[in-house]
Amino acid sequence: MTLLSIQDMTKRFGGLVALNALNINVKERTIHSIMAPTGPGKPPFSTA
């Protein structure tokens, strides 16, 4: 069972693209983590 589904999420700050066409499906009883270098994409995704 899918608890959360995000399709083609893009987040921009002016001319900076922090996320580009993110797709993620979070299924029941699974653990997910978002890993990236410091800064790019993680804060915009967590507040989406």
N, C-alpha and C. Protein backbone atom coordinates (compact mmCIF):
# COMPACT_ATOMS: atom_id res chain seq x y z
N MET A 1 0.84 -1.17 0.00
CA MET A 1 0.00 0.00 0.00
C MET A 1 0.90 1.24 0.00
N THR A 2 0.66 2.18 -0.91
CA THR A 2 1.41 3.43 -0.99
C THR A 2 0.80 4.45 -0.03
N LEU A 3 1.64 4.97 0.88
CA LEU A 3 1.19 5.98 1.84
C LEU A 3 1.39 7.39 1.32
N LEU A 4 2.43 7.59 0.49
CA LEU A 4 2.75 8.91 -0.05
C LEU A 4 3.30 8.74 -1.44
N SER A 5 2.79 9.53 -2.38
CA SER A 5 3.27 9.48 -3.75
C SER A 5 3.49 10.91 -4.22
N ILE A 6 4.70 11.20 -4.69
CA ILE A 6 5.02 12.51 -5.24
C ILE A 6 5.53 12.29 -6.65
N GLN A 7 4.97 13.03 -7.60
CA GLN A 7 5.34 12.88 -9.00
C GLN A 7 5.76 14.23 -9.58
N ASP A 8 6.91 14.27 -10.20
CA ASP A 8 7.43 15.44 -10.93
C ASP A 8 7.47 16.72 -10.09
N MET A 9 7.91 16.61 -8.84
CA MET A 9 8.03 17.79 -7.97
C MET A 9 9.29 18.57 -8.33
N THR A 10 9.13 19.85 -8.59
CA THR A 10 10.25 20.75 -8.86
C THR A 10 10.15 21.93 -7.91
N LYS A 11 11.28 22.32 -7.32
CA LYS A 11 11.33 23.45 -6.40
C LYS A 11 12.43 24.38 -6.85
N ARG A 12 12.06 25.66 -7.03
CA ARG A 12 13.02 26.67 -7.48
C ARG A 12 13.11 27.79 -6.46
N PHE A 13 14.28 28.37 -6.36
CA PHE A 13 14.52 29.58 -5.58
C PHE A 13 15.15 30.57 -6.54
N GLY A 14 14.33 31.44 -7.13
CA GLY A 14 14.83 32.34 -8.17
C GLY A 14 15.32 31.51 -9.34
N GLY A 15 16.57 31.69 -9.72
CA GLY A 15 17.14 30.93 -10.83
C GLY A 15 17.74 29.59 -10.43
N LEU A 16 17.75 29.29 -9.13
CA LEU A 16 18.33 28.03 -8.64
C LEU A 16 17.26 26.95 -8.59
N VAL A 17 17.50 25.83 -9.22
CA VAL A 17 16.60 24.68 -9.17
C VAL A 17 17.12 23.74 -8.08
N ALA A 18 16.38 23.66 -6.96
CA ALA A 18 16.79 22.81 -5.84
C ALA A 18 16.37 21.36 -6.06
N LEU A 19 15.20 21.15 -6.62
CA LEU A 19 14.70 19.81 -6.97
C LEU A 19 14.19 19.87 -8.39
N ASN A 20 14.46 18.85 -9.16
CA ASN A 20 14.01 18.83 -10.55
C ASN A 20 13.34 17.49 -10.85
N ALA A 21 12.02 17.51 -11.00
CA ALA A 21 11.24 16.34 -11.39
C ALA A 21 11.43 15.16 -10.44
N LEU A 22 11.31 15.41 -9.14
CA LEU A 22 11.43 14.36 -8.13
C LEU A 22 10.21 13.45 -8.17
N ASN A 23 10.44 12.15 -8.16
CA ASN A 23 9.38 11.15 -8.06
C ASN A 23 9.72 10.21 -6.90
N ILE A 24 8.77 10.00 -6.01
CA ILE A 24 9.00 9.10 -4.89
C ILE A 24 7.67 8.48 -4.46
N ASN A 25 7.72 7.21 -4.14
CA ASN A 25 6.56 6.50 -3.59
C ASN A 25 6.99 5.86 -2.28
N VAL A 26 6.30 6.20 -1.21
CA VAL A 26 6.61 5.65 0.10
C VAL A 26 5.54 4.61 0.43
N LYS A 27 5.99 3.40 0.58
CA LYS A 27 5.05 2.31 0.85
C LYS A 27 4.99 2.01 2.34
N GLU A 28 3.90 1.40 2.73
CA GLU A 28 3.68 1.02 4.11
C GLU A 28 4.80 0.09 4.58
N ARG A 29 5.23 0.30 5.83
CA ARG A 29 6.25 -0.53 6.48
C ARG A 29 7.60 -0.51 5.79
N THR A 30 7.96 0.65 5.22
CA THR A 30 9.29 0.82 4.64
C THR A 30 9.94 2.05 5.27
N ILE A 31 11.25 2.12 5.18
CA ILE A 31 12.01 3.25 5.68
C ILE A 31 12.74 3.88 4.50
N HIS A 32 12.64 5.20 4.39
CA HIS A 32 13.28 5.93 3.31
C HIS A 32 14.16 7.02 3.88
N SER A 33 15.19 7.37 3.15
CA SER A 33 16.09 8.44 3.55
C SER A 33 16.45 9.25 2.31
N ILE A 34 16.62 10.54 2.49
CA ILE A 34 17.05 11.40 1.40
C ILE A 34 18.48 11.82 1.70
N MET A 35 19.39 11.47 0.80
CA MET A 35 20.80 11.78 1.00
C MET A 35 21.30 12.60 -0.18
N ALA A 36 22.05 13.64 0.14
CA ALA A 36 22.65 14.49 -0.89
C ALA A 36 23.72 15.34 -0.21
N PRO A 37 24.57 15.98 -0.99
CA PRO A 37 25.53 16.91 -0.39
C PRO A 37 24.78 17.99 0.39
N THR A 38 25.46 18.67 1.26
CA THR A 38 24.85 19.70 2.08
C THR A 38 24.05 20.68 1.24
N GLY A 39 22.77 20.83 1.56
CA GLY A 39 21.93 21.84 0.93
C GLY A 39 21.01 21.40 -0.18
N PRO A 40 21.48 20.84 -1.28
CA PRO A 40 20.63 20.74 -2.46
C PRO A 40 19.45 19.76 -2.33
N GLY A 41 18.28 20.34 -2.21
CA GLY A 41 17.07 19.54 -2.33
C GLY A 41 16.42 19.05 -1.07
N LYS A 42 17.17 18.77 -0.04
CA LYS A 42 16.57 18.16 1.15
C LYS A 42 15.62 19.10 1.88
N PRO A 43 16.00 20.36 2.21
CA PRO A 43 15.05 21.23 2.90
C PRO A 43 13.77 21.51 2.09
N PRO A 44 13.85 21.80 0.78
CA PRO A 44 12.60 22.02 0.05
C PRO A 44 11.69 20.79 0.04
N PHE A 45 12.27 19.60 -0.03
CA PHE A 45 11.45 18.40 -0.03
C PHE A 45 10.75 18.21 1.32
N SER A 46 11.44 18.48 2.40
CA SER A 46 10.87 18.25 3.73
C SER A 46 9.76 19.24 4.06
N THR A 47 9.68 20.37 3.36
CA THR A 47 8.63 21.37 3.62
C THR A 47 7.58 21.39 2.53
N ALA A 48 7.65 20.46 1.58
CA ALA A 48 6.73 20.47 0.44
C ALA A 48 5.31 20.15 0.86
